[in-house]
Protein backbone atom coordinates (compact mmCIF):
# COMPACT_ATOMS: atom_id res chain seq x y z
CA MET A 1 76.33 98.14 96.67
CA ARG A 2 77.94 95.65 99.01
CA ILE A 3 80.47 96.47 101.69
CA VAL A 4 82.63 93.36 102.07
CA PRO A 5 84.60 92.98 105.32
CA VAL A 6 88.05 91.90 104.08
CA ASP A 7 89.48 91.42 107.59
CA GLN A 8 86.38 89.61 108.93
CA PRO A 9 85.40 87.30 106.03
CA HIS A 10 82.90 85.39 108.18
CA VAL A 11 80.71 88.52 108.50
CA VAL A 12 77.91 88.94 105.96
CA PRO A 13 78.48 91.95 103.65
CA TYR A 14 76.57 95.14 104.41
CA LEU A 15 74.37 96.84 101.81
CA MET A 16 74.66 100.57 101.16
CA PRO A 17 73.19 102.86 98.48
CA PRO A 18 75.35 103.68 95.41
CA ARG A 19 76.25 107.15 96.72
CA PHE A 20 78.32 105.45 99.43
CA ARG A 21 81.07 105.00 96.85
CA THR A 22 81.91 108.71 97.33
CA ASP A 23 80.95 108.88 101.03
CA VAL A 24 83.47 106.23 102.06
CA ALA A 25 86.33 108.63 101.29
CA TYR A 26 85.24 110.79 104.25
CA PHE A 27 85.88 107.88 106.62
CA MET A 28 89.00 106.19 105.25
CA THR A 29 92.37 106.27 106.94
CA PRO A 30 94.89 107.56 104.37
CA ALA A 31 97.27 105.02 102.84
CA GLY A 32 100.72 105.27 104.34
CA GLU A 33 99.43 105.95 107.85
CA PRO A 34 100.79 103.56 110.51
CA GLY A 35 98.83 100.31 110.63
CA VAL A 36 97.18 100.68 107.23
CA PRO A 37 97.71 97.48 105.22
CA PRO A 38 98.30 97.40 101.47
CA LEU A 39 94.92 97.95 99.82
CA GLY A 40 93.54 96.49 96.61
CA PRO A 41 91.16 98.14 94.16
CA HIS A 42 88.08 99.62 95.85
CA GLU A 43 89.44 98.75 99.31
CA TYR A 44 89.46 101.09 102.29
CA PHE A 45 90.80 101.00 105.81
CA ILE A 46 88.79 102.67 108.58
CA ARG A 47 90.40 102.63 112.03
CA HIS A 48 88.20 101.07 114.67
CA HIS A 49 88.79 103.88 117.17
CA ASP A 50 87.83 106.49 114.55
CA ALA A 51 84.57 104.67 113.78
CA ARG A 52 83.73 104.58 117.50
CA ARG A 53 84.50 108.30 117.88
CA TRP A 54 82.28 109.23 114.93
CA LEU A 55 79.44 107.22 116.44
CA GLU A 56 79.87 108.95 119.78
CA GLU A 57 80.08 112.41 118.23
CA MET A 58 77.57 111.70 115.41
CA CYS A 59 79.65 113.86 113.07
CA ILE A 60 82.85 113.84 111.05
CA SER A 61 85.34 116.61 110.35
CA LEU A 62 86.13 117.48 106.75
CA VAL A 63 89.22 119.37 105.67
CA SER A 64 88.84 121.95 102.92
CA PRO A 65 90.63 121.02 99.68
CA LEU A 66 91.71 124.68 99.48
CA SER A 67 93.27 124.99 102.93
CA ALA A 68 94.29 122.36 105.47
CA ASP A 69 93.53 124.94 108.18
CA ALA A 70 89.85 125.14 107.22
CA THR A 71 87.70 122.32 108.57
CA THR A 72 84.00 121.82 109.05
CA GLU A 73 81.93 119.24 110.88
CA ILE A 74 78.99 117.49 109.26
CA GLU A 75 76.47 115.16 110.82
CA ILE A 76 76.60 111.54 109.77
CA SER A 77 73.46 110.27 108.08
CA ASP A 78 71.27 107.48 109.44
CA GLU A 79 72.71 105.15 106.78
CA GLN A 80 76.28 106.06 107.71
CA GLU A 81 75.47 105.59 111.40
CA ALA A 82 74.07 102.08 110.79
CA TRP A 83 77.12 101.17 108.68
CA LEU A 84 79.53 102.44 111.37
CA GLU A 85 77.61 100.45 114.01
CA TRP A 86 78.07 97.33 111.83
CA MET A 87 81.80 98.10 111.49
CA VAL A 88 82.26 98.58 115.25
CA ARG A 89 80.09 95.61 116.28
CA HIS A 90 82.10 93.23 114.07
CA GLU A 91 85.49 94.95 114.63
CA ILE A 92 85.89 95.55 110.91
CA GLN A 93 88.57 97.93 109.65
CA HIS A 94 89.39 96.73 106.13
CA ILE A 95 86.54 96.79 103.58
CA ARG A 96 86.01 96.42 99.86
CA VAL A 97 83.19 98.25 98.06
CA GLU A 98 81.50 96.20 95.32
CA ASP A 99 78.70 97.10 92.90
């Protein structure tokens, strides 16, 4: 699948395996948060400073769907790390996921 940089159209799309369609939800900034633009189908916004932090920490925090007080940290995969590096290097925040 292709990750198309909506806000940096001059950058060549990045290729990710099909399972990234579910993984991207771990990284997205929720709609309605300050600075998040209107998003089209299959579009996601990932704040630049969050992407940098995840690269530094090499993990992300997940909130339990059963309790907002329960969180866990998981390591990012090599594929996710390479994708985040691409995002940070090109200052991409707004992407579209295409099959």
